[in-house]
Amino acid sequence: MKVDEEGLKKVAERFLKRQEVRELGLSLDEAKQVLLEHAKRFAGCVNCVYSSPYHGKFSWPYHGKFSWTSRHCVLGLAQSTCNMYKPIIQKE
């Protein structure tokens, strides 16, 4: 398993900007570990270096509530039509 450490760090930094994550008191390394575990289990945006926490109030099924797996693309792309996917974890 090959990890894009720089990409993972950038995603973690985006998550640490969320109040819900800051309230947990996680360090950068702890946030990276949570994100890495999700990237191992899920495909698509959850395993992409261009993802950030979804911030929309209509984030189905979360309706504005924070979720580690509900994501927004920093490039503004939809998962179904994305041509810029860059995985955090290269699965072998």
Protein backbone atom coordinates (compact mmCIF):
# COMPACT_ATOMS: atom_id res chain seq x y z
CA MET A 1 0.00 0.00 0.00
CA LYS A 2 1.49 3.32 -1.11
CA VAL A 3 0.28 6.50 0.64
CA ASP A 4 0.46 10.00 -0.84
CA GLU A 5 1.67 11.62 2.40
CA GLU A 6 1.57 15.19 1.08
CA GLY A 7 -1.95 14.73 -0.29
CA LEU A 8 -3.11 13.14 2.97
CA LYS A 9 -1.65 16.06 4.94
CA LYS A 10 -3.53 18.58 2.79
CA VAL A 11 -6.83 16.74 3.27
CA ALA A 12 -6.21 16.55 7.04
CA GLU A 13 -5.49 20.29 7.16
CA ARG A 14 -8.82 20.95 5.43
CA PHE A 15 -10.62 18.79 7.97
CA LEU A 16 -8.91 20.54 10.87
CA LYS A 17 -10.55 23.77 9.74
CA ARG A 18 -13.96 22.30 10.62
CA GLN A 19 -15.22 23.29 14.05
CA GLU A 20 -16.43 19.75 14.71
CA VAL A 21 -12.93 18.37 14.21
CA ARG A 22 -11.26 21.14 16.22
CA GLU A 23 -13.64 20.40 19.10
CA LEU A 24 -12.36 16.81 19.14
CA GLY A 25 -8.90 18.20 19.88
CA LEU A 26 -7.21 16.02 17.27
CA SER A 27 -3.65 16.70 16.20
CA LEU A 28 -2.71 16.75 12.52
CA ASP A 29 -1.32 13.21 12.83
CA GLU A 30 -4.49 11.96 14.53
CA ALA A 31 -6.69 13.49 11.83
CA LYS A 32 -4.47 11.91 9.17
CA GLN A 33 -4.90 8.51 10.82
CA VAL A 34 -8.71 8.81 10.82
CA LEU A 35 -8.69 9.87 7.17
CA LEU A 36 -6.29 7.07 6.24
CA GLU A 37 -8.58 4.46 7.80
CA HIS A 38 -11.53 5.78 5.79
CA ALA A 39 -9.44 5.88 2.60
CA LYS A 40 -8.58 2.20 3.11
CA ARG A 41 -12.26 1.25 3.26
CA PHE A 42 -13.84 3.54 0.69
CA ALA A 43 -13.19 4.51 -2.92
CA GLY A 44 -13.97 7.68 -4.85
CA CYS A 45 -13.78 11.06 -3.15
CA VAL A 46 -13.10 9.57 0.29
CA ASN A 47 -9.76 8.33 -1.07
CA CYS A 48 -8.88 11.45 -3.08
CA VAL A 49 -6.30 14.13 -2.24
CA TYR A 50 -8.61 16.80 -3.70
CA SER A 51 -11.37 16.13 -1.18
CA SER A 52 -12.44 18.24 1.75
CA PRO A 53 -15.25 17.87 4.28
CA TYR A 54 -18.63 18.54 2.75
CA HIS A 55 -19.93 21.85 4.04
CA GLY A 56 -23.30 22.13 2.34
CA LYS A 57 -26.46 22.24 4.38
CA PHE A 58 -28.13 19.75 2.05
CA SER A 59 -25.52 17.01 2.38
CA TRP A 60 -27.71 13.94 2.13
CA PRO A 61 -28.01 11.98 4.34
CA TYR A 62 -26.29 14.26 6.85
CA HIS A 63 -28.21 17.51 6.22
CA GLY A 64 -25.40 19.81 7.31
CA LYS A 65 -24.04 17.58 10.05
CA PHE A 66 -20.35 16.79 9.95
CA SER A 67 -19.27 13.44 8.51
CA TRP A 68 -15.79 12.08 7.91
CA THR A 69 -16.98 10.41 4.70
CA SER A 70 -19.21 13.07 3.11
CA ARG A 71 -16.86 15.01 0.86
CA HIS A 72 -16.63 18.07 -1.36
CA CYS A 73 -14.14 18.38 -4.23
CA VAL A 74 -11.80 21.36 -3.96
CA LEU A 75 -11.69 21.36 -7.77
CA GLY A 76 -15.49 21.60 -7.97
CA LEU A 77 -15.90 18.25 -9.73
CA ALA A 78 -18.62 15.64 -9.23
CA GLN A 79 -17.50 12.12 -8.39
CA SER A 80 -19.47 10.69 -11.32
CA THR A 81 -17.68 12.86 -13.91
CA CYS A 82 -14.30 13.40 -12.25
CA ASN A 83 -11.21 13.12 -14.42
CA MET A 84 -8.77 14.41 -11.79
CA TYR A 85 -9.00 11.59 -9.21
CA LYS A 86 -5.73 11.24 -7.32
CA PRO A 87 -5.85 8.57 -4.61
CA ILE A 88 -4.53 9.04 -1.11
CA ILE A 89 -3.83 5.30 -1.07
CA GLN A 90 -2.69 3.44 -4.16
CA LYS A 91 -4.33 0.06 -3.73
CA GLU A 92 -2.35 -2.82 -5.18
